Amino acid sequence: MNNSVSFFLPSADAMLIKGIGLTEDKTENDQIFLLSVPAGEDSLAHRRHVCSRVIPQSQYSLTNCLDLEKVFARKAPLHVDLGCGDGSFLCALAQRLPNKNFLGVERMSGRVRAAARKAASLNNVRLLQIESSYAVRYLFPARSVETFYLLFPDPWPKRRHHRRRLLTPDFLTSVHTVLEQDGVMYVATDHLDYFRKIQDITRSAFGFASVEPVIDLPQSKFGLIFGQKGATIHRLALRKISPVT
């Protein structure tokens, strides 16, 4: 089975993807892909400088948790934007809270590139290209995240596609494991049916209490779009109230 994951360390002058190819039981040689270099800056010295900005492949695999202190080169509370899209919300909040670390998780390459460009001047932002469900279940150490943001996840409105929805009881169990004590997950959606289903799931979830959602947050791209259309935005917030068992 072949899998791939990409880690992004934003750079003001160039952007790189480091692809990590894994087999079932071993790590293969890593590959470095240069996506864009400003005109006139394609020298070997420049490329080496850019490569030095990429997180070392030896720190990661698809089967081990991230070493977050190495990823960010510092220890600070971690906020994670699941499905961060083009990074509008992620980068605006990271700029507002420079004493926090921010990790954007996004599976679509084009959106990750856009987020990387926005994050180029922000030292407290990293990006991870992978499915959010996999990241939460396998890549975060227990009790390592202060806050999750799940803003406008795909509602998969057709009944036959409901199984693809991200927020499920199993997903919420993984979130509980990864959140710090008293950590919070914020959820927002414009889709009423999905919101009601999320409410049903969270009401029966172990170890969470419902708290008042924070309204004074930056706008995400979809939040802005739905707001301009006059759509009702449904929000909830869950605080972890019991330890991992």
C-alpha atoms as a PDB file:
ATOM      1  CA  MET A   1       0.000   0.000   0.000  1.00  0.00           C
ATOM      2  CA  ASN A   2       1.399   3.415  -0.970  1.00  0.00           C
ATOM      3  CA  ASN A   3       0.559   6.553   0.950  1.00  0.00           C
ATOM      4  CA  SER A   4       1.868  10.080   0.767  1.00  0.00           C
ATOM      5  CA  VAL A   5       1.911  13.084   3.029  1.00  0.00           C
ATOM      6  CA  SER A   6       3.348  16.542   2.516  1.00  0.00           C
ATOM      7  CA  PHE A   7       4.650  18.970   5.108  1.00  0.00           C
ATOM      8  CA  PHE A   8       5.032  22.657   4.371  1.00  0.00           C
ATOM      9  CA  LEU A   9       7.338  25.126   6.027  1.00  0.00           C
ATOM     10  CA  PRO A  10       6.296  28.483   4.554  1.00  0.00           C
ATOM     11  CA  SER A  11       9.090  30.568   3.070  1.00  0.00           C
ATOM     12  CA  ALA A  12       8.875  34.165   1.927  1.00  0.00           C
ATOM     13  CA  ASP A  13      10.981  33.569  -1.184  1.00  0.00           C
ATOM     14  CA  ALA A  14       9.976  30.080  -2.305  1.00  0.00           C
ATOM     15  CA  MET A  15       7.800  27.115  -1.453  1.00  0.00           C
ATOM     16  CA  LEU A  16       8.685  23.449  -1.340  1.00  0.00           C
ATOM     17  CA  ILE A  17       6.793  20.254  -0.876  1.00  0.00           C
ATOM     18  CA  LYS A  18       8.499  17.370   0.804  1.00  0.00           C
ATOM     19  CA  GLY A  19       6.740  14.151  -0.184  1.00  0.00           C
ATOM     20  CA  ILE A  20       7.212  11.195   2.116  1.00  0.00           C
ATOM     21  CA  GLY A  21       6.544   7.831   0.480  1.00  0.00           C
ATOM     22  CA  LEU A  22       5.853   4.897   2.787  1.00  0.00           C
ATOM     23  CA  THR A  23       5.363   1.200   2.261  1.00  0.00           C
ATOM     24  CA  GLU A  24       3.643  -0.943   4.869  1.00  0.00           C
ATOM     25  CA  ASP A  25       6.769  -1.417   6.948  1.00  0.00           C
ATOM     26  CA  LYS A  26       9.522   0.932   5.833  1.00  0.00           C
ATOM     27  CA  THR A  27      10.216   4.499   4.813  1.00  0.00           C
ATOM     28  CA  GLU A  28      11.446   4.965   1.263  1.00  0.00           C
ATOM     29  CA  ASN A  29      13.770   7.714   0.084  1.00  0.00           C
ATOM     30  CA  ASP A  30      12.220  11.120   0.386  1.00  0.00           C
ATOM     31  CA  GLN A  31      11.800  13.461  -2.567  1.00  0.00           C
ATOM     32  CA  ILE A  32      12.079  17.224  -2.688  1.00  0.00           C
ATOM     33  CA  PHE A  33       9.966  19.081  -5.257  1.00  0.00           C
ATOM     34  CA  LEU A  34      10.669  22.721  -6.036  1.00  0.00           C
ATOM     35  CA  LEU A  35       7.304  24.267  -6.899  1.00  0.00           C
ATOM     36  CA  SER A  36       8.288  27.868  -7.499  1.00  0.00           C
ATOM     37  CA  VAL A  37      11.376  30.031  -7.254  1.00  0.00           C
ATOM     38  CA  PRO A  38      11.387  33.751  -8.058  1.00  0.00           C
ATOM     39  CA  ALA A  39      13.015  34.632 -11.391  1.00  0.00           C
ATOM     40  CA  GLY A  40      16.780  34.837 -11.196  1.00  0.00           C
ATOM     41  CA  GLU A  41      16.955  32.896  -7.941  1.00  0.00           C
ATOM     42  CA  ASP A  42      17.359  29.345  -9.208  1.00  0.00           C
ATOM     43  CA  SER A  43      21.035  28.950  -8.290  1.00  0.00           C
ATOM     44  CA  LEU A  44      22.250  25.877  -6.434  1.00  0.00           C
ATOM     45  CA  ALA A  45      23.066  28.021  -3.402  1.00  0.00           C
ATOM     46  CA  HIS A  46      19.555  29.393  -3.351  1.00  0.00           C
ATOM     47  CA  ARG A  47      18.057  25.927  -3.694  1.00  0.00           C
ATOM     48  CA  ARG A  48      20.145  24.679  -0.790  1.00  0.00           C
ATOM     49  CA  HIS A  49      18.972  27.619   1.302  1.00  0.00           C
ATOM     50  CA  VAL A  50      15.353  26.824   0.490  1.00  0.00           C
ATOM     51  CA  CYS A  51      15.831  23.127   1.228  1.00  0.00           C
ATOM     52  CA  SER A  52      17.171  24.040   4.654  1.00  0.00           C
ATOM     53  CA  ARG A  53      13.742  25.493   5.438  1.00  0.00           C
ATOM     54  CA  VAL A  54      11.962  22.153   4.912  1.00  0.00           C
ATOM     55  CA  ILE A  55      11.171  20.053   7.970  1.00  0.00           C
ATOM     56  CA  PRO A  56      13.557  17.041   8.006  1.00  0.00           C
ATOM     57  CA  GLN A  57      11.926  13.852   6.770  1.00  0.00           C
ATOM     58  CA  SER A  58      13.487  11.883   9.607  1.00  0.00           C
ATOM     59  CA  GLN A  59      11.057  13.518  12.023  1.00  0.00           C
ATOM     60  CA  TYR A  60       7.940  12.052  10.425  1.00  0.00           C
ATOM     61  CA  SER A  61       6.154   9.009   9.163  1.00  0.00           C
ATOM     62  CA  LEU A  62       2.524   8.105   8.614  1.00  0.00           C
ATOM     63  CA  THR A  63       2.628   5.790  11.613  1.00  0.00           C
ATOM     64  CA  ASN A  64       4.266   7.971  14.273  1.00  0.00           C
ATOM     65  CA  CYS A  65       3.017  11.085  16.023  1.00  0.00           C
ATOM     66  CA  LEU A  66       4.462  14.449  15.075  1.00  0.00           C
ATOM     67  CA  ASP A  67       7.191  15.885  17.269  1.00  0.00           C
ATOM     68  CA  LEU A  68       5.485  19.244  17.531  1.00  0.00           C
ATOM     69  CA  GLU A  69       8.303  21.007  19.343  1.00  0.00           C
ATOM     70  CA  LYS A  70      10.628  20.172  16.433  1.00  0.00           C
ATOM     71  CA  VAL A  71       8.017  21.087  13.830  1.00  0.00           C
ATOM     72  CA  PHE A  72       7.665  24.606  15.234  1.00  0.00           C
ATOM     73  CA  ALA A  73      11.165  24.946  16.701  1.00  0.00           C
ATOM     74  CA  ARG A  74       9.572  26.015  19.965  1.00  0.00           C
ATOM     75  CA  LYS A  75       7.104  24.882  22.602  1.00  0.00           C
ATOM     76  CA  ALA A  76       3.791  26.741  22.616  1.00  0.00           C
ATOM     77  CA  PRO A  77       0.054  25.944  22.826  1.00  0.00           C
ATOM     78  CA  LEU A  78      -1.154  24.352  19.589  1.00  0.00           C
ATOM     79  CA  HIS A  79      -4.221  25.390  17.614  1.00  0.00           C
ATOM     80  CA  VAL A  80      -5.268  23.194  14.670  1.00  0.00           C
ATOM     81  CA  ASP A  81      -7.468  24.288  11.764  1.00  0.00           C
ATOM     82  CA  LEU A  82      -8.979  21.155  10.220  1.00  0.00           C
ATOM     83  CA  GLY A  83      -9.698  21.652   6.536  1.00  0.00           C
ATOM     84  CA  CYS A  84      -7.920  24.997   6.557  1.00  0.00           C
ATOM     85  CA  GLY A  85      -8.629  25.707   2.878  1.00  0.00           C
ATOM     86  CA  ASP A  86      -6.704  28.680   1.519  1.00  0.00           C
ATOM     87  CA  GLY A  87      -5.462  29.605   4.998  1.00  0.00           C
ATOM     88  CA  SER A  88      -7.431  32.850   5.368  1.00  0.00           C
ATOM     89  CA  PHE A  89      -8.740  32.034   8.843  1.00  0.00           C
ATOM     90  CA  LEU A  90      -5.594  30.196   9.935  1.00  0.00           C
ATOM     91  CA  CYS A  91      -3.203  32.999   9.056  1.00  0.00           C
ATOM     92  CA  ALA A  92      -5.414  35.797  10.358  1.00  0.00           C
ATOM     93  CA  LEU A  93      -5.714  34.098  13.742  1.00  0.00           C
ATOM     94  CA  ALA A  94      -2.009  33.198  13.828  1.00  0.00           C
ATOM     95  CA  GLN A  95      -1.158  36.849  13.245  1.00  0.00           C
ATOM     96  CA  ARG A  96      -3.505  37.830  16.070  1.00  0.00           C
ATOM     97  CA  LEU A  97      -2.029  35.261  18.484  1.00  0.00           C
ATOM     98  CA  PRO A  98       1.748  35.099  17.884  1.00  0.00           C
ATOM     99  CA  ASN A  99       2.331  33.262  21.170  1.00  0.00           C
ATOM    100  CA  LYS A 100       0.413  30.226  19.859  1.00  0.00           C
ATOM    101  CA  ASN A 101       1.452  27.614  17.292  1.00  0.00           C
ATOM    102  CA  PHE A 102      -0.954  27.048  14.395  1.00  0.00           C
ATOM    103  CA  LEU A 103      -1.177  23.963  12.202  1.00  0.00           C
ATOM    104  CA  GLY A 104      -3.414  23.903   9.147  1.00  0.00           C
ATOM    105  CA  VAL A 105      -4.563  20.495   7.908  1.00  0.00           C
ATOM    106  CA  GLU A 106      -5.804  20.335   4.319  1.00  0.00           C
ATOM    107  CA  ARG A 107      -5.915  17.531   1.743  1.00  0.00           C
ATOM    108  CA  MET A 108      -6.195  19.576  -1.473  1.00  0.00           C
ATOM    109  CA  SER A 109      -2.865  20.641  -2.967  1.00  0.00           C
ATOM    110  CA  GLY A 110      -4.092  23.877  -4.529  1.00  0.00           C
ATOM    111  CA  ARG A 111      -5.509  25.081  -1.241  1.00  0.00           C
ATOM    112  CA  VAL A 112      -2.326  24.153   0.605  1.00  0.00           C
ATOM    113  CA  ARG A 113      -0.276  26.176  -1.883  1.00  0.00           C
ATOM    114  CA  ALA A 114      -2.544  29.175  -1.342  1.00  0.00           C
ATOM    115  CA  ALA A 115      -2.275  28.802   2.432  1.00  0.00           C
ATOM    116  CA  ALA A 116       1.511  28.497   2.217  1.00  0.00           C
ATOM    117  CA  ARG A 117       1.709  31.779   0.333  1.00  0.00           C
ATOM    118  CA  LYS A 118      -0.403  33.517   2.972  1.00  0.00           C
ATOM    119  CA  ALA A 119       1.723  32.018   5.759  1.00  0.00           C
ATOM    120  CA  ALA A 120       5.070  32.988   4.248  1.00  0.00           C
ATOM    121  CA  SER A 121       5.813  35.685   6.831  1.00  0.00           C
ATOM    122  CA  LEU A 122       4.313  33.891   9.841  1.00  0.00           C
ATOM    123  CA  ASN A 123       6.792  31.908  11.908  1.00  0.00           C
ATOM    124  CA  ASN A 124       4.051  30.293  14.008  1.00  0.00           C
ATOM    125  CA  VAL A 125       2.238  28.560  11.111  1.00  0.00           C
ATOM    126  CA  ARG A 126       2.836  25.112   9.619  1.00  0.00           C
ATOM    127  CA  LEU A 127       0.765  23.194   7.079  1.00  0.00           C
ATOM    128  CA  LEU A 128       0.098  19.487   6.773  1.00  0.00           C
ATOM    129  CA  GLN A 129      -1.394  18.001   3.603  1.00  0.00           C
ATOM    130  CA  ILE A 130      -3.408  14.974   4.639  1.00  0.00           C
ATOM    131  CA  GLU A 131      -6.971  13.923   5.476  1.00  0.00           C
ATOM    132  CA  SER A 132      -8.136  15.539   8.723  1.00  0.00           C
ATOM    133  CA  SER A 133      -9.564  12.305  10.112  1.00  0.00           C
ATOM    134  CA  TYR A 134      -6.231  10.522   9.675  1.00  0.00           C
ATOM    135  CA  ALA A 135      -4.253  13.384  11.184  1.00  0.00           C
ATOM    136  CA  VAL A 136      -6.415  13.550  14.297  1.00  0.00           C
ATOM    137  CA  ARG A 137      -6.432   9.805  14.808  1.00  0.00           C
ATOM    138  CA  TYR A 138      -2.766   9.038  14.182  1.00  0.00           C
ATOM    139  CA  LEU A 139      -0.470  12.075  14.002  1.00  0.00           C
ATOM    140  CA  PHE A 140      -1.149  14.131  17.137  1.00  0.00           C
ATOM    141  CA  PRO A 141       0.171  13.045  20.533  1.00  0.00           C
ATOM    142  CA  ALA A 142      -2.370  12.668  23.325  1.00  0.00           C
ATOM    143  CA  ARG A 143      -3.225  15.925  25.108  1.00  0.00           C
ATOM    144  CA  SER A 144      -1.213  17.999  22.610  1.00  0.00           C
ATOM    145  CA  VAL A 145      -3.840  20.365  21.140  1.00  0.00           C
ATOM    146  CA  GLU A 146      -5.315  23.361  22.925  1.00  0.00           C
ATOM    147  CA  THR A 147      -7.949  24.175  20.298  1.00  0.00           C
ATOM    148  CA  PHE A 148      -9.411  22.583  17.172  1.00  0.00           C
ATOM    149  CA  TYR A 149     -11.318  24.568  14.543  1.00  0.00           C
ATOM    150  CA  LEU A 150     -13.674  22.701  12.215  1.00  0.00           C
ATOM    151  CA  LEU A 151     -15.182  25.426  10.069  1.00  0.00           C
ATOM    152  CA  PHE A 152     -17.642  24.612   7.297  1.00  0.00           C
ATOM    153  CA  PRO A 153     -16.720  20.958   6.758  1.00  0.00           C
ATOM    154  CA  ASP A 154     -18.180  19.342   3.653  1.00  0.00           C
ATOM    155  CA  PRO A 155     -21.790  18.424   4.626  1.00  0.00           C
ATOM    156  CA  TRP A 156     -22.084  15.678   2.007  1.00  0.00           C
ATOM    157  CA  PRO A 157     -25.832  16.367   1.745  1.00  0.00           C
ATOM    158  CA  LYS A 158     -26.853  13.257  -0.208  1.00  0.00           C
ATOM    159  CA  ARG A 159     -27.866  10.432   2.108  1.00  0.00           C
ATOM    160  CA  ARG A 160     -25.652   7.900   0.345  1.00  0.00           C
ATOM    161  CA  HIS A 161     -22.658  10.167   1.051  1.00  0.00           C
ATOM    162  CA  HIS A 162     -23.316  10.721   4.756  1.00  0.00           C
ATOM    163  CA  ARG A 163     -20.695   8.119   5.637  1.00  0.00           C
ATOM    164  CA  ARG A 164     -18.068  10.510   4.243  1.00  0.00           C
ATOM    165  CA  ARG A 165     -18.833  13.198   6.798  1.00  0.00           C
ATOM    166  CA  LEU A 166     -15.905  14.043   9.019  1.00  0.00           C
ATOM    167  CA  LEU A 167     -17.609  14.513  12.363  1.00  0.00           C
ATOM    168  CA  THR A 168     -18.598  11.069  13.611  1.00  0.00           C
ATOM    169  CA  PRO A 169     -18.583   9.465  17.077  1.00  0.00           C
ATOM    170  CA  ASP A 170     -15.210   7.828  16.346  1.00  0.00           C
ATOM    171  CA  PHE A 171     -13.738  11.127  15.164  1.00  0.00           C
ATOM    172  CA  LEU A 172     -14.937  12.856  18.318  1.00  0.00           C
ATOM    173  CA  THR A 173     -13.310  10.148  20.428  1.00  0.00           C
ATOM    174  CA  SER A 174     -10.007  10.864  18.680  1.00  0.00           C
ATOM    175  CA  VAL A 175     -10.464  14.598  19.264  1.00  0.00           C
ATOM    176  CA  HIS A 176     -11.025  13.928  22.967  1.00  0.00           C
ATOM    177  CA  THR A 177      -7.785  11.958  23.183  1.00  0.00           C
ATOM    178  CA  VAL A 178      -5.749  14.671  21.475  1.00  0.00           C
ATOM    179  CA  LEU A 179      -7.190  17.712  23.266  1.00  0.00           C
ATOM    180  CA  GLU A 180      -5.564  19.039  26.405  1.00  0.00           C
ATOM    181  CA  GLN A 181      -7.683  19.060  29.555  1.00  0.00           C
ATOM    182  CA  ASP A 182     -10.182  21.934  29.105  1.00  0.00           C
ATOM    183  CA  GLY A 183      -9.224  22.119  25.422  1.00  0.00           C
ATOM    184  CA  VAL A 184     -11.939  23.239  23.011  1.00  0.00           C
ATOM    185  CA  MET A 185     -13.204  22.333  19.558  1.00  0.00           C
ATOM    186  CA  TYR A 186     -15.136  24.988  17.613  1.00  0.00           C
ATOM    187  CA  VAL A 187     -17.516  23.926  14.832  1.00  0.00           C
ATOM    188  CA  ALA A 188     -19.369  26.070  12.302  1.00  0.00           C
ATOM    189  CA  THR A 189     -21.580  25.094   9.365  1.00  0.00           C
ATOM    190  CA  ASP A 190     -24.265  26.637   7.184  1.00  0.00           C
ATOM    191  CA  HIS A 191     -25.937  23.242   6.659  1.00  0.00           C
ATOM    192  CA  LEU A 192     -28.796  22.781   9.133  1.00  0.00           C
ATOM    193  CA  ASP A 193     -29.258  19.027   8.635  1.00  0.00           C
ATOM    194  CA  TYR A 194     -25.553  18.387   9.224  1.00  0.00           C
ATOM    195  CA  PHE A 195     -25.585  20.693  12.258  1.00  0.00           C
ATOM    196  CA  ARG A 196     -28.468  18.757  13.804  1.00  0.00           C
ATOM    197  CA  LYS A 197     -26.589  15.513  13.237  1.00  0.00           C
ATOM    198  CA  ILE A 198     -23.477  17.025  14.831  1.00  0.00           C
ATOM    199  CA  GLN A 199     -25.590  18.085  17.814  1.00  0.00           C
ATOM    200  CA  ASP A 200     -26.922  14.530  18.168  1.00  0.00           C
ATOM    201  CA  ILE A 201     -23.388  13.136  18.115  1.00  0.00           C
ATOM    202  CA  THR A 202     -21.996  15.651  20.586  1.00  0.00           C
ATOM    203  CA  ARG A 203     -24.875  15.267  23.055  1.00  0.00           C
ATOM    204  CA  SER A 204     -24.030  11.601  23.494  1.00  0.00           C
ATOM    205  CA  ALA A 205     -20.256  12.084  23.468  1.00  0.00           C
ATOM    206  CA  PHE A 206     -18.315  11.197  26.585  1.00  0.00           C
ATOM    207  CA  GLY A 207     -16.086  13.752  28.254  1.00  0.00           C
ATOM    208  CA  PHE A 208     -17.303  16.988  26.650  1.00  0.00           C
ATOM    209  CA  ALA A 209     -19.352  19.949  27.818  1.00  0.00           C
ATOM    210  CA  SER A 210     -21.054  22.408  25.514  1.00  0.00           C
ATOM    211  CA  VAL A 211     -19.760  25.965  25.909  1.00  0.00           C
ATOM    212  CA  GLU A 212     -20.592  29.293  24.312  1.00  0.00           C
ATOM    213  CA  PRO A 213     -18.948  29.570  20.866  1.00  0.00           C
ATOM    214  CA  VAL A 214     -16.481  32.400  20.358  1.00  0.00           C
ATOM    215  CA  ILE A 215     -17.895  34.795  17.780  1.00  0.00           C
ATOM    216  CA  ASP A 216     -14.938  37.190  17.632  1.00  0.00           C
ATOM    217  CA  LEU A 217     -12.852  35.053  15.293  1.00  0.00           C
ATOM    218  CA  PRO A 218     -11.466  35.922  11.853  1.00  0.00           C
ATOM    219  CA  GLN A 219     -13.588  35.054   8.847  1.00  0.00           C
ATOM    220  CA  SER A 220     -12.780  31.950   6.855  1.00  0.00           C
ATOM    221  CA  LYS A 221     -13.216  32.017   3.085  1.00  0.00           C
ATOM    222  CA  PHE A 222     -16.436  29.998   3.239  1.00  0.00           C
ATOM    223  CA  GLY A 223     -17.673  31.926   6.257  1.00  0.00           C
ATOM    224  CA  LEU A 224     -17.377  35.121   4.242  1.00  0.00           C
ATOM    225  CA  ILE A 225     -19.101  33.587   1.209  1.00  0.00           C
ATOM    226  CA  PHE A 226     -22.026  32.195   3.204  1.00  0.00           C
ATOM    227  CA  GLY A 227     -22.329  35.410   5.203  1.00  0.00           C
ATOM    228  CA  GLN A 228     -22.581  37.468   2.016  1.00  0.00           C
ATOM    229  CA  LYS A 229     -25.356  35.158   0.834  1.00  0.00           C
ATOM    230  CA  GLY A 230     -27.278  35.752   4.050  1.00  0.00           C
ATOM    231  CA  ALA A 231     -27.023  32.122   5.157  1.00  0.00           C
ATOM    232  CA  THR A 232     -27.577  31.266   8.809  1.00  0.00           C
ATOM    233  CA  ILE A 233     -24.334  30.081  10.393  1.00  0.00           C
ATOM    234  CA  HIS A 234     -24.768  27.375  13.033  1.00  0.00           C
ATOM    235  CA  ARG A 235     -22.025  27.171  15.660  1.00  0.00           C
ATOM    236  CA  LEU A 236     -21.123  25.046  18.635  1.00  0.00           C
ATOM    237  CA  ALA A 237     -18.146  24.615  20.918  1.00  0.00           C
ATOM    238  CA  LEU A 238     -17.134  21.616  23.010  1.00  0.00           C
ATOM    239  CA  ARG A 239     -14.789  21.711  25.991  1.00  0.00           C
ATOM    240  CA  LYS A 240     -13.000  18.590  27.204  1.00  0.00           C
ATOM    241  CA  ILE A 241     -13.983  18.066  30.832  1.00  0.00           C
ATOM    242  CA  SER A 242     -12.635  14.621  31.672  1.00  0.00           C
ATOM    243  CA  PRO A 243      -9.190  13.030  31.343  1.00  0.00           C
ATOM    244  CA  VAL A 244      -8.306  10.444  28.735  1.00  0.00           C
ATOM    245  CA  THR A 245      -9.157   6.984  30.011  1.00  0.00           C
END
